[in-house]
Amino acid sequence: MKKNIKTTLAVQLYQSQKLTIGKAAQLAGLSRLEFENLLAVNKIPISNLTIDDINKDINKLK
């Protein structure tokens, strides 16, 4: 049960952008890959980039 609480807290803190994905994985006691898989299973995006962000980055690289 303690692990579930830590995992839930880590996901919530990650979603609210209070923790990076790496720190959230540490809090949950998971590897980064395991945490990313957990997010994917729960349909939580691992990136907060918007299309505008991507287009701005592309334009900067030109």
N, C-alpha and C. Protein backbone atom coordinates (compact mmCIF):
# COMPACT_ATOMS: atom_id res chain seq x y z
N MET A 1 0.83 -1.19 0.00
CA MET A 1 0.00 0.00 0.00
C MET A 1 0.88 1.26 0.00
N LYS A 2 1.98 1.25 0.76
CA LYS A 2 2.88 2.39 0.81
C LYS A 2 3.45 2.71 -0.57
N LYS A 3 3.78 1.67 -1.33
CA LYS A 3 4.30 1.84 -2.69
C LYS A 3 3.25 2.50 -3.58
N ASN A 4 1.99 2.05 -3.45
CA ASN A 4 0.91 2.64 -4.25
C ASN A 4 0.72 4.12 -3.95
N ILE A 5 0.84 4.48 -2.68
CA ILE A 5 0.69 5.89 -2.29
C ILE A 5 1.82 6.72 -2.89
N LYS A 6 3.05 6.21 -2.82
CA LYS A 6 4.19 6.92 -3.38
C LYS A 6 4.06 7.06 -4.89
N THR A 7 3.60 6.00 -5.54
CA THR A 7 3.44 6.03 -7.00
C THR A 7 2.37 7.03 -7.39
N THR A 8 1.25 7.03 -6.70
CA THR A 8 0.17 7.96 -6.98
C THR A 8 0.63 9.40 -6.76
N LEU A 9 1.34 9.63 -5.68
CA LEU A 9 1.85 10.97 -5.39
C LEU A 9 2.84 11.40 -6.48
N ALA A 10 3.71 10.51 -6.88
CA ALA A 10 4.69 10.82 -7.92
C ALA A 10 4.00 11.21 -9.23
N VAL A 11 2.98 10.46 -9.60
CA VAL A 11 2.24 10.76 -10.83
C VAL A 11 1.57 12.12 -10.72
N GLN A 12 0.94 12.39 -9.60
CA GLN A 12 0.26 13.67 -9.42
C GLN A 12 1.24 14.84 -9.45
N LEU A 13 2.39 14.68 -8.80
CA LEU A 13 3.39 15.75 -8.80
C LEU A 13 3.99 15.94 -10.18
N TYR A 14 4.15 14.86 -10.91
CA TYR A 14 4.65 14.97 -12.29
C TYR A 14 3.63 15.70 -13.16
N GLN A 15 2.37 15.31 -13.06
CA GLN A 15 1.32 15.94 -13.87
C GLN A 15 1.18 17.43 -13.57
N SER A 16 1.40 17.82 -12.33
CA SER A 16 1.28 19.23 -11.97
C SER A 16 2.59 19.98 -12.20
N GLN A 17 3.56 19.30 -12.80
CA GLN A 17 4.86 19.86 -13.16
C GLN A 17 5.67 20.33 -11.95
N LYS A 18 5.44 19.68 -10.82
CA LYS A 18 6.20 19.99 -9.62
C LYS A 18 7.45 19.12 -9.53
N LEU A 19 7.47 17.99 -10.24
CA LEU A 19 8.63 17.11 -10.31
C LEU A 19 8.93 16.78 -11.76
N THR A 20 10.22 16.62 -12.04
CA THR A 20 10.61 16.13 -13.36
C THR A 20 10.25 14.64 -13.44
N ILE A 21 10.31 14.11 -14.63
CA ILE A 21 9.98 12.69 -14.79
C ILE A 21 10.99 11.81 -14.03
N GLY A 22 12.24 12.23 -14.02
CA GLY A 22 13.27 11.47 -13.30
C GLY A 22 13.05 11.47 -11.80
N LYS A 23 12.74 12.65 -11.25
CA LYS A 23 12.51 12.76 -9.80
C LYS A 23 11.22 12.03 -9.41
N ALA A 24 10.21 12.10 -10.26
CA ALA A 24 8.96 11.39 -9.98
C ALA A 24 9.19 9.88 -9.98
N ALA A 25 10.00 9.41 -10.91
CA ALA A 25 10.33 7.98 -10.95
C ALA A 25 11.05 7.56 -9.67
N GLN A 26 11.98 8.39 -9.22
CA GLN A 26 12.70 8.10 -7.97
C GLN A 26 11.74 8.02 -6.79
N LEU A 27 10.83 8.99 -6.70
CA LEU A 27 9.86 9.00 -5.62
C LEU A 27 9.01 7.74 -5.64
N ALA A 28 8.64 7.30 -6.83
CA ALA A 28 7.80 6.10 -6.97
C ALA A 28 8.60 4.81 -6.74
N GLY A 29 9.93 4.93 -6.71
CA GLY A 29 10.76 3.73 -6.53
C GLY A 29 10.85 2.91 -7.81
N LEU A 30 10.74 3.60 -8.95
CA LEU A 30 10.79 2.93 -10.25
C LEU A 30 11.93 3.49 -11.08
N SER A 31 12.36 2.72 -12.07
CA SER A 31 13.30 3.27 -13.04
C SER A 31 12.54 4.27 -13.90
N ARG A 32 13.27 5.09 -14.61
CA ARG A 32 12.59 6.07 -15.48
C ARG A 32 11.74 5.36 -16.53
N LEU A 33 12.27 4.28 -17.09
CA LEU A 33 11.52 3.53 -18.11
C LEU A 33 10.25 2.93 -17.51
N GLU A 34 10.35 2.37 -16.31
CA GLU A 34 9.16 1.81 -15.66
C GLU A 34 8.12 2.89 -15.39
N PHE A 35 8.59 4.07 -14.98
CA PHE A 35 7.67 5.18 -14.71
C PHE A 35 7.02 5.66 -16.00
N GLU A 36 7.80 5.77 -17.07
CA GLU A 36 7.24 6.16 -18.36
C GLU A 36 6.20 5.15 -18.83
N ASN A 37 6.46 3.87 -18.63
CA ASN A 37 5.49 2.83 -18.99
C ASN A 37 4.21 2.97 -18.17
N LEU A 38 4.36 3.27 -16.88
CA LEU A 38 3.21 3.49 -16.01
C LEU A 38 2.37 4.66 -16.52
N LEU A 39 3.05 5.74 -16.91
CA LEU A 39 2.33 6.89 -17.46
C LEU A 39 1.60 6.50 -18.75
N ALA A 40 2.27 5.76 -19.60
CA ALA A 40 1.67 5.36 -20.88
C ALA A 40 0.43 4.49 -20.65
N VAL A 41 0.52 3.55 -19.74
CA VAL A 41 -0.62 2.67 -19.43
C VAL A 41 -1.81 3.49 -18.94
N ASN A 42 -1.51 4.56 -18.21
CA ASN A 42 -2.57 5.42 -17.67
C ASN A 42 -2.90 6.60 -18.58
N LYS A 43 -2.36 6.55 -19.82
CA LYS A 43 -2.63 7.57 -20.84
C LYS A 43 -2.28 8.98 -20.37
N ILE A 44 -1.15 9.08 -19.69
CA ILE A 44 -0.63 10.37 -19.23
C ILE A 44 0.56 10.70 -20.12
N PRO A 45 0.52 11.84 -20.81
CA PRO A 45 1.62 12.18 -21.72
C PRO A 45 2.93 12.39 -20.96
N ILE A 46 4.03 12.00 -21.60
CA ILE A 46 5.33 12.18 -20.97
C ILE A 46 5.99 13.49 -21.42
N SER A 47 5.31 14.22 -22.25
CA SER A 47 5.82 15.51 -22.72
C SER A 47 4.72 16.54 -22.65
N ASN A 48 5.08 17.75 -22.28
CA ASN A 48 4.11 18.84 -22.21
C ASN A 48 4.28 19.81 -23.37
N LEU A 49 5.03 19.38 -24.39
CA LEU A 49 5.25 20.25 -25.54
C LEU A 49 3.98 20.40 -26.35
N THR A 50 3.78 21.60 -26.83
CA THR A 50 2.66 21.85 -27.74
C THR A 50 3.20 21.91 -29.16
N ILE A 51 2.32 21.90 -30.12
CA ILE A 51 2.73 22.03 -31.52
C ILE A 51 3.47 23.34 -31.73
N ASP A 52 3.00 24.41 -31.09
CA ASP A 52 3.67 25.71 -31.19
C ASP A 52 5.10 25.64 -30.67
N ASP A 53 5.30 24.94 -29.55
CA ASP A 53 6.65 24.77 -29.00
C ASP A 53 7.56 24.07 -30.01
N ILE A 54 7.05 23.04 -30.62
CA ILE A 54 7.83 22.27 -31.59
C ILE A 54 8.16 23.12 -32.81
N ASN A 55 7.16 23.85 -33.30
CA ASN A 55 7.40 24.72 -34.47
C ASN A 55 8.42 25.81 -34.16
N LYS A 56 8.38 26.38 -32.97
CA LYS A 56 9.36 27.39 -32.58
C LYS A 56 10.76 26.79 -32.54
N ASP A 57 10.88 25.57 -32.01
CA ASP A 57 12.19 24.90 -31.98
C ASP A 57 12.70 24.62 -33.38
N ILE A 58 11.81 24.20 -34.26
CA ILE A 58 12.21 23.93 -35.65
C ILE A 58 12.71 25.21 -36.31
N ASN A 59 12.00 26.30 -36.10
CA ASN A 59 12.40 27.58 -36.69
C ASN A 59 13.73 28.06 -36.13
N LYS A 60 14.02 27.80 -34.88
CA LYS A 60 15.29 28.18 -34.27
C LYS A 60 16.44 27.39 -34.89
N LEU A 61 16.17 26.17 -35.29
CA LEU A 61 17.21 25.31 -35.86
C LEU A 61 17.52 25.65 -37.32
N LYS A 62 16.66 26.39 -37.97
CA LYS A 62 16.86 26.73 -39.39
C LYS A 62 17.92 27.81 -39.55
